[in-house]
Amino acid sequence: MITLDSSAALDADVTSTGAVSVTVAGALQVSGSIGTNLTTVTTGSGSTTTFGDTTVGNSLVVTSPGAVSTAAGDVLMVHGMGTTTPNKRVTVNGVNDVAIPVQ
């Protein structure tokens, strides 16, 4: 498992065959290839989570006080399925089977 903790905003491009956990005090931009599970947590009033081209093998769990989205022109895939429509492998702020909109 890879664990990233940052006390400020972070732009991360991550490649892992296993699970990844990212905790950021500020806005998060993340992309890459994660073999199993990706968990992201952003803190701070209005902190956003934005995904670039990202492939997650199993499940995605996001906690974010601000907007959660995929950058325009990029694709977020979780368990082989897109995320612009509800995906049972995606949980955002405790709600399962959600879509993540494109910015």
Protein backbone atom coordinates (compact mmCIF):
# COMPACT_ATOMS: atom_id res chain seq x y z
CA MET A 1 0.00 0.00 0.00
CA ILE A 2 1.17 3.51 -0.82
CA THR A 3 0.17 6.27 1.61
CA LEU A 4 0.62 9.95 0.76
CA ASP A 5 -0.02 12.69 3.33
CA SER A 6 0.35 16.38 2.53
CA SER A 7 -0.15 19.46 4.68
CA ALA A 8 -0.92 21.51 1.56
CA ALA A 9 -2.60 21.15 -1.84
CA LEU A 10 -1.20 18.28 -3.92
CA ASP A 11 -0.99 17.24 -7.57
CA ALA A 12 -0.14 13.52 -7.61
CA ASP A 13 0.50 11.12 -10.48
CA VAL A 14 0.53 7.69 -8.85
CA THR A 15 1.31 4.23 -10.23
CA SER A 16 0.80 1.24 -7.95
CA THR A 17 -0.11 -2.43 -8.35
CA GLY A 18 -1.76 -2.28 -4.91
CA ALA A 19 -3.88 0.12 -2.89
CA VAL A 20 -3.25 3.86 -2.53
CA SER A 21 -4.39 6.28 0.17
CA VAL A 22 -3.98 10.05 -0.25
CA THR A 23 -4.78 12.59 2.49
CA VAL A 24 -4.39 16.29 1.70
CA ALA A 25 -5.02 19.51 3.63
CA GLY A 26 -6.18 21.42 0.57
CA ALA A 27 -7.16 20.74 -3.03
CA LEU A 28 -6.15 17.43 -4.62
CA GLN A 29 -5.49 16.62 -8.24
CA VAL A 30 -4.74 12.95 -8.80
CA SER A 31 -4.09 10.76 -11.82
CA GLY A 32 -2.42 7.45 -12.56
CA SER A 33 -2.96 3.72 -12.38
CA ILE A 34 -3.98 2.04 -9.12
CA GLY A 35 -4.12 -1.75 -9.04
CA THR A 36 -6.75 -2.21 -6.34
CA ASN A 37 -8.32 0.53 -4.18
CA LEU A 38 -7.89 4.30 -4.12
CA THR A 39 -8.94 6.29 -1.05
CA THR A 40 -8.68 10.08 -1.09
CA VAL A 41 -9.38 12.54 1.73
CA THR A 42 -9.20 16.32 1.38
CA THR A 43 -9.65 18.65 4.32
CA GLY A 44 -10.10 22.36 4.56
CA SER A 45 -13.14 24.44 3.72
CA GLY A 46 -14.13 23.92 0.09
CA SER A 47 -11.12 21.74 -0.77
CA THR A 48 -11.80 20.00 -4.08
CA THR A 49 -10.82 16.64 -5.56
CA THR A 50 -10.11 16.48 -9.29
CA PHE A 51 -9.16 13.34 -11.20
CA GLY A 52 -7.03 13.35 -14.33
CA ASP A 53 -6.63 10.23 -16.48
CA THR A 54 -6.99 7.62 -13.74
CA THR A 55 -7.61 3.87 -13.70
CA VAL A 56 -8.57 2.18 -10.43
CA GLY A 57 -8.71 -1.63 -10.39
CA ASN A 58 -11.31 -2.22 -7.70
CA SER A 59 -12.90 0.64 -5.78
CA LEU A 60 -12.71 4.39 -5.23
CA VAL A 61 -13.60 6.10 -1.94
CA VAL A 62 -13.52 9.92 -1.85
CA THR A 63 -14.05 12.29 1.07
CA SER A 64 -14.04 15.93 0.05
CA PRO A 65 -15.72 19.07 1.45
CA GLY A 66 -15.61 20.66 -2.01
CA ALA A 67 -16.51 19.49 -5.50
CA VAL A 68 -15.41 16.07 -6.80
CA SER A 69 -14.91 15.91 -10.55
CA THR A 70 -12.90 14.60 -13.49
CA ALA A 71 -10.89 17.13 -15.48
CA ALA A 72 -12.24 17.95 -18.93
CA GLY A 73 -10.70 15.68 -21.57
CA ASP A 74 -9.61 13.08 -18.99
CA VAL A 75 -11.17 9.71 -18.12
CA LEU A 76 -11.69 8.13 -14.70
CA MET A 77 -12.24 4.36 -14.82
CA VAL A 78 -13.09 2.26 -11.77
CA HIS A 79 -13.34 -1.54 -11.98
CA GLY A 80 -13.35 -1.31 -15.79
CA MET A 81 -16.29 1.12 -15.93
CA GLY A 82 -16.54 4.86 -16.43
CA THR A 83 -17.72 7.22 -13.73
CA THR A 84 -19.84 9.75 -15.62
CA THR A 85 -22.84 7.57 -14.74
CA PRO A 86 -23.37 5.87 -11.35
CA ASN A 87 -20.73 3.24 -10.60
CA LYS A 88 -21.25 0.75 -7.76
CA ARG A 89 -17.51 0.78 -7.03
CA VAL A 90 -17.47 4.54 -6.32
CA THR A 91 -18.27 6.10 -2.92
CA VAL A 92 -18.22 9.87 -2.41
CA ASN A 93 -18.72 11.36 1.05
CA GLY A 94 -20.29 8.14 2.30
CA VAL A 95 -22.71 7.73 -0.62
CA ASN A 96 -22.18 4.63 -2.77
CA ASP A 97 -23.03 4.07 -6.45
CA VAL A 98 -22.48 7.64 -7.59
CA ALA A 99 -21.26 9.39 -10.73
CA ILE A 100 -18.33 11.80 -10.82
CA PRO A 101 -19.02 14.64 -13.26
CA VAL A 102 -16.57 16.05 -15.79
CA GLN A 103 -15.54 19.67 -15.10
